[in-house]
């Protein structure tokens, strides 16, 4: 059963946000694999997932709209092996992260059982908008005129 969060008429058009929240809650309900998110520079972020036992061929990273999705599925190489105790998780997983507007994926690498994904938030270029003030004329109607200037150097 789906619980509707935005039922008020005031929230018309927010269906995509509700769907995004629902997807994020489903994918993050399971705590596997554990992960860290750290800020490595003023504009850089790094997501690190503990994926011990997974090779690069077992992992897939995709960006679907504004979601970063990491999937892992190990090939079954345990055939013929007898485990007295199996404590290392070897199950498939899917972990999704909702990316803010403008976040770019810069790269990923696997090192010592840790999958690192670097993200960057580009600095926005300052834009100055000048709004002209004029007289209301018959051809202008009720619309205001906008004049956009080039980005101003600091």
C-alpha atoms as a PDB file:
ATOM      1  CA  UNK A   1       0.000   0.000   0.000  1.00  0.00           C
ATOM      2  CA  UNK A   2       1.326   3.411  -0.954  1.00  0.00           C
ATOM      3  CA  UNK A   3       0.933   6.307   1.439  1.00  0.00           C
ATOM      4  CA  UNK A   4       0.284   9.584  -0.335  1.00  0.00           C
ATOM      5  CA  UNK A   5       2.289  12.423   1.183  1.00  0.00           C
ATOM      6  CA  UNK A   6       1.165  15.306  -0.999  1.00  0.00           C
ATOM      7  CA  UNK A   7      -2.637  15.072  -0.995  1.00  0.00           C
ATOM      8  CA  UNK A   8      -3.374  18.763  -0.574  1.00  0.00           C
ATOM      9  CA  UNK A   9      -4.296  20.717  -3.729  1.00  0.00           C
ATOM     10  CA  UNK A  10      -1.502  23.093  -2.743  1.00  0.00           C
ATOM     11  CA  UNK A  11       1.038  20.400  -3.752  1.00  0.00           C
ATOM     12  CA  UNK A  12      -0.118  19.850  -7.335  1.00  0.00           C
ATOM     13  CA  UNK A  13       2.827  19.018  -9.556  1.00  0.00           C
ATOM     14  CA  UNK A  14       4.960  17.500  -6.788  1.00  0.00           C
ATOM     15  CA  UNK A  15       4.256  13.897  -7.852  1.00  0.00           C
ATOM     16  CA  UNK A  16       7.842  13.435  -9.062  1.00  0.00           C
ATOM     17  CA  UNK A  17       9.152  14.460  -5.631  1.00  0.00           C
ATOM     18  CA  UNK A  18       6.861  11.964  -3.936  1.00  0.00           C
ATOM     19  CA  UNK A  19       8.024   9.197  -6.286  1.00  0.00           C
ATOM     20  CA  UNK A  20      11.651  10.101  -5.608  1.00  0.00           C
ATOM     21  CA  UNK A  21      11.121   9.908  -1.850  1.00  0.00           C
ATOM     22  CA  UNK A  22       9.385   6.562  -2.210  1.00  0.00           C
ATOM     23  CA  UNK A  23      12.239   5.119  -4.306  1.00  0.00           C
ATOM     24  CA  UNK A  24      14.846   6.408  -1.858  1.00  0.00           C
ATOM     25  CA  UNK A  25      13.062   4.897   1.130  1.00  0.00           C
ATOM     26  CA  UNK A  26      12.754   1.506  -0.575  1.00  0.00           C
ATOM     27  CA  UNK A  27      16.389   1.301  -1.622  1.00  0.00           C
ATOM     28  CA  UNK A  28      17.846   2.530   1.653  1.00  0.00           C
ATOM     29  CA  UNK A  29      15.696   0.354   3.918  1.00  0.00           C
ATOM     30  CA  UNK A  30      18.361  -2.355   3.802  1.00  0.00           C
ATOM     31  CA  UNK A  31      21.661  -1.350   5.400  1.00  0.00           C
ATOM     32  CA  UNK A  32      23.823  -3.315   2.964  1.00  0.00           C
ATOM     33  CA  UNK A  33      26.384  -2.379   1.877  1.00  0.00           C
ATOM     34  CA  UNK A  34      27.464   0.189   4.454  1.00  0.00           C
ATOM     35  CA  UNK A  35      28.669   3.499   3.055  1.00  0.00           C
ATOM     36  CA  UNK A  36      30.248   6.841   3.953  1.00  0.00           C
ATOM     37  CA  UNK A  37      29.707  10.228   2.344  1.00  0.00           C
ATOM     38  CA  UNK A  38      32.532  12.688   2.895  1.00  0.00           C
ATOM     39  CA  UNK A  39      33.385  16.153   1.697  1.00  0.00           C
ATOM     40  CA  UNK A  40      36.862  16.038   0.151  1.00  0.00           C
ATOM     41  CA  UNK A  41      37.032  19.655  -1.069  1.00  0.00           C
ATOM     42  CA  UNK A  42      34.795  22.735  -1.031  1.00  0.00           C
ATOM     43  CA  UNK A  43      33.040  21.455  -4.175  1.00  0.00           C
ATOM     44  CA  UNK A  44      33.881  17.742  -4.029  1.00  0.00           C
ATOM     45  CA  UNK A  45      32.108  14.820  -2.377  1.00  0.00           C
ATOM     46  CA  UNK A  46      33.035  11.144  -2.162  1.00  0.00           C
ATOM     47  CA  UNK A  47      30.745   8.187  -1.573  1.00  0.00           C
ATOM     48  CA  UNK A  48      32.574   5.111  -0.290  1.00  0.00           C
ATOM     49  CA  UNK A  49      30.829   1.725  -0.159  1.00  0.00           C
ATOM     50  CA  UNK A  50      32.230  -1.365   1.577  1.00  0.00           C
ATOM     51  CA  UNK A  51      31.977  -4.050  -1.110  1.00  0.00           C
ATOM     52  CA  UNK A  52      34.411  -6.713   0.115  1.00  0.00           C
ATOM     53  CA  UNK A  53      34.520  -9.706  -2.201  1.00  0.00           C
ATOM     54  CA  UNK A  54      33.118  -7.860  -5.232  1.00  0.00           C
ATOM     55  CA  UNK A  55      35.269  -7.362  -8.324  1.00  0.00           C
ATOM     56  CA  UNK A  56      34.914  -4.536 -10.839  1.00  0.00           C
ATOM     57  CA  UNK A  57      32.977  -6.897 -13.118  1.00  0.00           C
ATOM     58  CA  UNK A  58      30.470  -7.579 -10.318  1.00  0.00           C
ATOM     59  CA  UNK A  59      29.615  -3.879  -9.868  1.00  0.00           C
ATOM     60  CA  UNK A  60      27.568  -1.491 -11.992  1.00  0.00           C
ATOM     61  CA  UNK A  61      27.151   2.265 -11.473  1.00  0.00           C
ATOM     62  CA  UNK A  62      24.467   4.176 -13.373  1.00  0.00           C
ATOM     63  CA  UNK A  63      22.956   7.622 -13.166  1.00  0.00           C
ATOM     64  CA  UNK A  64      19.208   7.539 -13.741  1.00  0.00           C
ATOM     65  CA  UNK A  65      17.853  11.075 -13.909  1.00  0.00           C
ATOM     66  CA  UNK A  66      19.017  12.561 -10.610  1.00  0.00           C
ATOM     67  CA  UNK A  67      19.650   9.215  -8.902  1.00  0.00           C
ATOM     68  CA  UNK A  68      23.017   7.514  -8.637  1.00  0.00           C
ATOM     69  CA  UNK A  69      22.396   3.756  -8.538  1.00  0.00           C
ATOM     70  CA  UNK A  70      25.051   1.210  -7.549  1.00  0.00           C
ATOM     71  CA  UNK A  71      24.297  -2.456  -8.151  1.00  0.00           C
ATOM     72  CA  UNK A  72      26.370  -5.451  -7.160  1.00  0.00           C
ATOM     73  CA  UNK A  73      25.970  -9.098  -8.055  1.00  0.00           C
ATOM     74  CA  UNK A  74      28.718 -11.629  -7.416  1.00  0.00           C
ATOM     75  CA  UNK A  75      29.280 -14.501  -9.764  1.00  0.00           C
ATOM     76  CA  UNK A  76      28.690 -17.812  -8.059  1.00  0.00           C
ATOM     77  CA  UNK A  77      32.243 -19.088  -7.585  1.00  0.00           C
ATOM     78  CA  UNK A  78      31.393 -20.960  -4.360  1.00  0.00           C
ATOM     79  CA  UNK A  79      30.554 -24.150  -6.223  1.00  0.00           C
ATOM     80  CA  UNK A  80      32.680 -26.979  -4.947  1.00  0.00           C
ATOM     81  CA  UNK A  81      33.739 -25.013  -1.860  1.00  0.00           C
ATOM     82  CA  UNK A  82      32.646 -26.094   1.605  1.00  0.00           C
ATOM     83  CA  UNK A  83      32.166 -23.267   4.114  1.00  0.00           C
ATOM     84  CA  UNK A  84      32.370 -24.092   7.814  1.00  0.00           C
ATOM     85  CA  UNK A  85      31.257 -20.521   8.509  1.00  0.00           C
ATOM     86  CA  UNK A  86      30.199 -17.940   5.944  1.00  0.00           C
ATOM     87  CA  UNK A  87      30.212 -14.477   7.494  1.00  0.00           C
ATOM     88  CA  UNK A  88      31.146 -12.410   4.447  1.00  0.00           C
ATOM     89  CA  UNK A  89      27.988 -11.320   2.678  1.00  0.00           C
ATOM     90  CA  UNK A  90      27.835 -12.432  -0.930  1.00  0.00           C
ATOM     91  CA  UNK A  91      24.351 -11.284  -1.818  1.00  0.00           C
ATOM     92  CA  UNK A  92      23.345  -8.916  -4.548  1.00  0.00           C
ATOM     93  CA  UNK A  93      22.510  -5.338  -3.645  1.00  0.00           C
ATOM     94  CA  UNK A  94      21.234  -2.071  -5.008  1.00  0.00           C
ATOM     95  CA  UNK A  95      21.986   1.231  -3.315  1.00  0.00           C
ATOM     96  CA  UNK A  96      20.597   4.533  -4.648  1.00  0.00           C
ATOM     97  CA  UNK A  97      21.526   8.112  -3.810  1.00  0.00           C
ATOM     98  CA  UNK A  98      19.446  11.126  -4.846  1.00  0.00           C
ATOM     99  CA  UNK A  99      21.733  13.754  -6.351  1.00  0.00           C
ATOM    100  CA  UNK A 100      21.040  17.447  -5.951  1.00  0.00           C
ATOM    101  CA  UNK A 101      20.636  19.613  -9.029  1.00  0.00           C
ATOM    102  CA  UNK A 102      23.981  20.180 -10.743  1.00  0.00           C
ATOM    103  CA  UNK A 103      25.941  17.384  -9.019  1.00  0.00           C
ATOM    104  CA  UNK A 104      28.223  15.598 -11.501  1.00  0.00           C
ATOM    105  CA  UNK A 105      29.777  12.140 -11.188  1.00  0.00           C
ATOM    106  CA  UNK A 106      33.522  12.555 -11.825  1.00  0.00           C
ATOM    107  CA  UNK A 107      34.742   8.971 -11.522  1.00  0.00           C
ATOM    108  CA  UNK A 108      34.840   5.740  -9.546  1.00  0.00           C
ATOM    109  CA  UNK A 109      37.467   3.235  -8.472  1.00  0.00           C
ATOM    110  CA  UNK A 110      37.694   0.034  -6.456  1.00  0.00           C
ATOM    111  CA  UNK A 111      40.495  -0.251  -3.895  1.00  0.00           C
ATOM    112  CA  UNK A 112      40.912  -2.835  -1.118  1.00  0.00           C
ATOM    113  CA  UNK A 113      37.221  -3.747  -1.033  1.00  0.00           C
ATOM    114  CA  UNK A 114      36.039  -0.124  -1.035  1.00  0.00           C
ATOM    115  CA  UNK A 115      34.179   1.378  -3.984  1.00  0.00           C
ATOM    116  CA  UNK A 116      34.861   5.122  -4.159  1.00  0.00           C
ATOM    117  CA  UNK A 117      32.710   7.454  -6.260  1.00  0.00           C
ATOM    118  CA  UNK A 118      33.773  11.079  -6.647  1.00  0.00           C
ATOM    119  CA  UNK A 119      31.121  13.746  -7.163  1.00  0.00           C
ATOM    120  CA  UNK A 120      31.511  17.453  -7.856  1.00  0.00           C
ATOM    121  CA  UNK A 121      29.249  20.402  -7.333  1.00  0.00           C
ATOM    122  CA  UNK A 122      30.318  23.042  -9.860  1.00  0.00           C
ATOM    123  CA  UNK A 123      30.418  26.615  -8.626  1.00  0.00           C
ATOM    124  CA  UNK A 124      27.504  28.561 -10.074  1.00  0.00           C
ATOM    125  CA  UNK A 125      28.422  31.501 -12.242  1.00  0.00           C
ATOM    126  CA  UNK A 126      26.990  34.714 -10.850  1.00  0.00           C
ATOM    127  CA  UNK A 127      24.360  36.218 -13.109  1.00  0.00           C
ATOM    128  CA  UNK A 128      22.954  39.681 -12.821  1.00  0.00           C
ATOM    129  CA  UNK A 129      19.492  40.384 -14.161  1.00  0.00           C
ATOM    130  CA  UNK A 130      18.421  43.935 -14.825  1.00  0.00           C
ATOM    131  CA  UNK A 131      14.707  44.587 -14.881  1.00  0.00           C
ATOM    132  CA  UNK A 132      13.768  47.645 -16.862  1.00  0.00           C
ATOM    133  CA  UNK A 133      11.028  49.908 -15.631  1.00  0.00           C
ATOM    134  CA  UNK A 134       8.790  51.290 -18.308  1.00  0.00           C
ATOM    135  CA  UNK A 135       5.347  52.604 -18.946  1.00  0.00           C
ATOM    136  CA  UNK A 136       2.474  50.234 -19.456  1.00  0.00           C
ATOM    137  CA  UNK A 137       1.469  50.368 -23.086  1.00  0.00           C
ATOM    138  CA  UNK A 138      -1.242  48.585 -25.026  1.00  0.00           C
ATOM    139  CA  UNK A 139       1.217  46.284 -26.859  1.00  0.00           C
ATOM    140  CA  UNK A 140       3.219  45.451 -23.701  1.00  0.00           C
ATOM    141  CA  UNK A 141       0.165  44.164 -21.859  1.00  0.00           C
ATOM    142  CA  UNK A 142       0.675  43.021 -18.287  1.00  0.00           C
ATOM    143  CA  UNK A 143       4.088  41.448 -18.887  1.00  0.00           C
ATOM    144  CA  UNK A 144       7.238  42.952 -17.431  1.00  0.00           C
ATOM    145  CA  UNK A 145      10.307  43.162 -19.642  1.00  0.00           C
ATOM    146  CA  UNK A 146      13.467  41.336 -18.585  1.00  0.00           C
ATOM    147  CA  UNK A 147      16.892  42.274 -19.856  1.00  0.00           C
ATOM    148  CA  UNK A 148      19.651  39.779 -19.028  1.00  0.00           C
ATOM    149  CA  UNK A 149      23.207  41.004 -18.796  1.00  0.00           C
ATOM    150  CA  UNK A 150      26.301  38.869 -19.249  1.00  0.00           C
ATOM    151  CA  UNK A 151      27.868  37.321 -16.137  1.00  0.00           C
ATOM    152  CA  UNK A 152      29.619  40.095 -14.270  1.00  0.00           C
ATOM    153  CA  UNK A 153      33.308  39.484 -13.435  1.00  0.00           C
ATOM    154  CA  UNK A 154      34.130  39.821  -9.774  1.00  0.00           C
END
